[in-house]
N, C-alpha and C. Protein backbone atom coordinates (compact mmCIF):
# COMPACT_ATOMS: atom_id res chain seq x y z
N MET A 1 154.92 84.69 159.37
CA MET A 1 155.00 83.66 158.35
C MET A 1 153.61 83.08 158.11
N GLU A 2 153.25 82.95 156.85
CA GLU A 2 151.93 82.43 156.50
C GLU A 2 152.01 80.95 156.17
N ILE A 3 150.88 80.31 156.17
CA ILE A 3 150.80 78.90 155.81
C ILE A 3 150.22 78.79 154.41
N VAL A 4 150.82 77.95 153.60
CA VAL A 4 150.31 77.71 152.26
C VAL A 4 149.08 76.83 152.33
N ILE A 5 147.99 77.25 151.71
CA ILE A 5 146.78 76.44 151.64
C ILE A 5 146.74 75.78 150.28
N LEU A 6 146.50 74.50 150.25
CA LEU A 6 146.55 73.76 149.00
C LEU A 6 145.19 73.29 148.55
N SER A 7 145.01 73.34 147.26
CA SER A 7 143.83 72.76 146.65
C SER A 7 144.35 71.79 145.60
N ILE A 8 144.34 70.51 145.88
CA ILE A 8 144.95 69.50 145.02
C ILE A 8 143.88 68.61 144.42
N LYS A 9 144.06 68.32 143.16
CA LYS A 9 143.11 67.45 142.46
C LYS A 9 143.90 66.42 141.66
N LEU A 10 143.62 65.15 141.88
CA LEU A 10 144.25 64.10 141.08
C LEU A 10 143.54 64.02 139.74
N SER A 11 144.32 64.02 138.69
CA SER A 11 143.70 63.88 137.37
C SER A 11 143.45 62.41 137.08
N SER A 12 142.71 62.14 136.03
CA SER A 12 142.40 60.75 135.67
C SER A 12 143.50 60.11 134.83
N GLN A 13 144.48 60.89 134.41
CA GLN A 13 145.57 60.35 133.60
C GLN A 13 146.60 59.72 134.52
N SER A 14 146.72 58.40 134.46
CA SER A 14 147.69 57.73 135.31
C SER A 14 148.12 56.41 134.68
N THR A 15 149.27 55.94 135.12
CA THR A 15 149.75 54.61 134.77
C THR A 15 149.82 53.83 136.06
N GLN A 16 150.26 52.59 135.99
CA GLN A 16 150.36 51.81 137.23
C GLN A 16 151.41 52.39 138.17
N GLN A 17 152.47 53.00 137.62
CA GLN A 17 153.55 53.47 138.48
C GLN A 17 153.50 54.97 138.76
N ALA A 18 152.93 55.77 137.87
CA ALA A 18 152.95 57.21 138.07
C ALA A 18 151.58 57.82 137.79
N LYS A 19 151.32 58.93 138.47
CA LYS A 19 150.06 59.65 138.26
C LYS A 19 150.39 61.10 137.95
N LYS A 20 149.58 61.71 137.10
CA LYS A 20 149.71 63.13 136.84
C LYS A 20 148.87 63.84 137.89
N ILE A 21 149.52 64.65 138.71
CA ILE A 21 148.84 65.37 139.77
C ILE A 21 148.79 66.84 139.38
N THR A 22 147.61 67.41 139.42
CA THR A 22 147.45 68.83 139.15
C THR A 22 146.84 69.48 140.38
N GLY A 23 147.12 70.75 140.56
CA GLY A 23 146.56 71.44 141.70
C GLY A 23 146.81 72.92 141.63
N LYS A 24 146.47 73.59 142.69
CA LYS A 24 146.59 75.04 142.78
C LYS A 24 147.10 75.38 144.17
N VAL A 25 148.07 76.29 144.26
CA VAL A 25 148.61 76.72 145.55
C VAL A 25 148.08 78.12 145.83
N LEU A 26 147.41 78.26 146.98
CA LEU A 26 146.76 79.51 147.36
C LEU A 26 147.25 79.98 148.72
N ASP A 27 147.20 81.29 148.96
CA ASP A 27 147.54 81.80 150.29
C ASP A 27 146.29 81.77 151.17
N ALA A 28 146.42 82.25 152.39
CA ALA A 28 145.31 82.21 153.35
C ALA A 28 144.11 83.02 152.90
N ALA A 29 144.32 84.00 152.02
CA ALA A 29 143.23 84.84 151.51
C ALA A 29 142.61 84.25 150.24
N GLY A 30 143.13 83.11 149.79
CA GLY A 30 142.60 82.48 148.59
C GLY A 30 143.22 82.99 147.30
N GLU A 31 144.28 83.79 147.42
CA GLU A 31 144.98 84.32 146.25
C GLU A 31 146.04 83.32 145.79
N PRO A 32 146.24 83.19 144.46
CA PRO A 32 147.24 82.25 143.96
C PRO A 32 148.66 82.69 144.32
N ILE A 33 149.50 81.71 144.58
CA ILE A 33 150.92 81.97 144.84
C ILE A 33 151.68 81.64 143.56
N ILE A 34 152.26 82.66 142.95
CA ILE A 34 152.98 82.53 141.68
C ILE A 34 154.43 82.16 141.98
N GLY A 35 154.93 81.11 141.34
CA GLY A 35 156.34 80.72 141.48
C GLY A 35 156.66 79.84 142.67
N ALA A 36 155.66 79.22 143.29
CA ALA A 36 155.92 78.29 144.38
C ALA A 36 156.53 77.00 143.82
N SER A 37 157.43 76.39 144.56
CA SER A 37 158.05 75.12 144.16
C SER A 37 157.18 73.96 144.63
N VAL A 38 156.92 73.03 143.73
CA VAL A 38 156.18 71.82 144.05
C VAL A 38 157.09 70.66 143.68
N LEU A 39 157.63 69.96 144.68
CA LEU A 39 158.58 68.88 144.45
C LEU A 39 158.02 67.55 144.92
N VAL A 40 158.36 66.49 144.20
CA VAL A 40 158.05 65.14 144.64
C VAL A 40 159.19 64.77 145.58
N LYS A 41 158.88 64.65 146.86
CA LYS A 41 159.90 64.41 147.89
C LYS A 41 160.74 63.19 147.57
N GLY A 42 162.06 63.35 147.68
CA GLY A 42 162.97 62.24 147.45
C GLY A 42 163.30 61.99 145.99
N SER A 43 162.89 62.90 145.11
CA SER A 43 163.20 62.74 143.69
C SER A 43 163.62 64.09 143.13
N GLY A 44 164.03 64.11 141.90
CA GLY A 44 164.39 65.36 141.25
C GLY A 44 163.23 65.94 140.45
N THR A 45 162.05 65.38 140.62
CA THR A 45 160.88 65.81 139.85
C THR A 45 160.16 66.95 140.56
N GLY A 46 159.76 67.94 139.78
CA GLY A 46 159.04 69.04 140.38
C GLY A 46 158.47 69.98 139.34
N ALA A 47 157.81 71.03 139.82
CA ALA A 47 157.19 72.03 138.96
C ALA A 47 157.16 73.35 139.72
N VAL A 48 156.85 74.41 138.99
CA VAL A 48 156.69 75.74 139.57
C VAL A 48 155.28 76.21 139.22
N THR A 49 154.59 76.84 140.17
CA THR A 49 153.24 77.30 139.91
C THR A 49 153.23 78.46 138.92
N ASP A 50 152.15 78.53 138.12
CA ASP A 50 152.02 79.60 137.12
C ASP A 50 151.32 80.82 137.72
N VAL A 51 150.91 81.77 136.87
CA VAL A 51 150.29 83.02 137.36
C VAL A 51 148.96 82.79 138.06
N ASP A 52 148.35 81.64 137.84
CA ASP A 52 147.10 81.30 138.53
C ASP A 52 147.34 80.39 139.73
N GLY A 53 148.61 80.12 140.06
CA GLY A 53 148.95 79.23 141.17
C GLY A 53 148.84 77.76 140.82
N LYS A 54 148.62 77.44 139.54
CA LYS A 54 148.42 76.05 139.11
C LYS A 54 149.75 75.35 138.81
N PHE A 55 149.74 74.02 139.02
CA PHE A 55 150.90 73.19 138.69
C PHE A 55 150.43 71.82 138.21
N SER A 56 151.36 71.10 137.59
CA SER A 56 151.13 69.73 137.14
C SER A 56 152.45 68.99 137.28
N VAL A 57 152.42 67.81 137.88
CA VAL A 57 153.63 67.03 138.10
C VAL A 57 153.31 65.54 138.04
N GLU A 58 154.24 64.75 137.53
CA GLU A 58 154.12 63.29 137.51
C GLU A 58 154.75 62.75 138.79
N ALA A 59 154.04 61.84 139.47
CA ALA A 59 154.56 61.29 140.72
C ALA A 59 154.10 59.85 140.89
N PRO A 60 154.98 59.00 141.43
CA PRO A 60 154.57 57.63 141.72
C PRO A 60 153.46 57.60 142.78
N ALA A 61 152.62 56.59 142.72
CA ALA A 61 151.56 56.43 143.72
C ALA A 61 152.16 56.41 145.11
N GLY A 62 151.53 57.09 146.05
CA GLY A 62 152.00 57.12 147.44
C GLY A 62 153.08 58.16 147.72
N SER A 63 153.43 58.98 146.72
CA SER A 63 154.47 60.01 146.90
C SER A 63 153.97 61.14 147.80
N THR A 64 154.93 61.88 148.33
CA THR A 64 154.64 63.09 149.11
C THR A 64 155.09 64.29 148.30
N LEU A 65 154.21 65.29 148.18
CA LEU A 65 154.57 66.54 147.53
C LEU A 65 155.01 67.53 148.58
N GLU A 66 156.07 68.28 148.28
CA GLU A 66 156.59 69.31 149.17
C GLU A 66 156.41 70.65 148.46
N ILE A 67 155.60 71.53 149.03
CA ILE A 67 155.31 72.82 148.43
C ILE A 67 155.97 73.90 149.27
N SER A 68 156.77 74.75 148.61
CA SER A 68 157.46 75.80 149.36
C SER A 68 157.50 77.10 148.56
N PHE A 69 157.62 78.20 149.31
CA PHE A 69 157.72 79.52 148.73
C PHE A 69 158.34 80.42 149.79
N ILE A 70 159.22 81.33 149.39
CA ILE A 70 159.90 82.22 150.33
C ILE A 70 158.88 83.01 151.14
N GLY A 71 159.06 83.00 152.46
CA GLY A 71 158.17 83.74 153.36
C GLY A 71 156.97 82.94 153.85
N TYR A 72 156.85 81.71 153.37
CA TYR A 72 155.74 80.85 153.77
C TYR A 72 156.28 79.57 154.41
N LYS A 73 155.48 78.97 155.25
CA LYS A 73 155.84 77.70 155.86
C LYS A 73 155.69 76.61 154.81
N THR A 74 156.69 75.71 154.70
CA THR A 74 156.64 74.61 153.75
C THR A 74 155.53 73.65 154.13
N ALA A 75 154.79 73.19 153.12
CA ALA A 75 153.68 72.26 153.36
C ALA A 75 154.01 70.92 152.70
N MET A 76 153.60 69.83 153.33
CA MET A 76 153.77 68.48 152.79
C MET A 76 152.38 67.91 152.55
N LEU A 77 152.23 67.25 151.42
CA LEU A 77 150.95 66.65 151.08
C LEU A 77 151.19 65.26 150.56
N LYS A 78 150.53 64.28 151.15
CA LYS A 78 150.68 62.89 150.70
C LYS A 78 149.42 62.45 150.03
């Protein structure tokens, strides 16, 4: 089982309650993971990574992102 390596970047677009979070999900070799689930823990909000491993999701400040993909260990990012 491999570990998902994350490259996360907060965008400048935000409100007081929510922020647009963009990032990229990569494997240990630095290759993008296509179709990984990126969920805001405890909510129904989420996204799926594209062919470049990129995603964008709206999340309240202080949220935890849960990134998962079959065959990989789930990663949590706060």
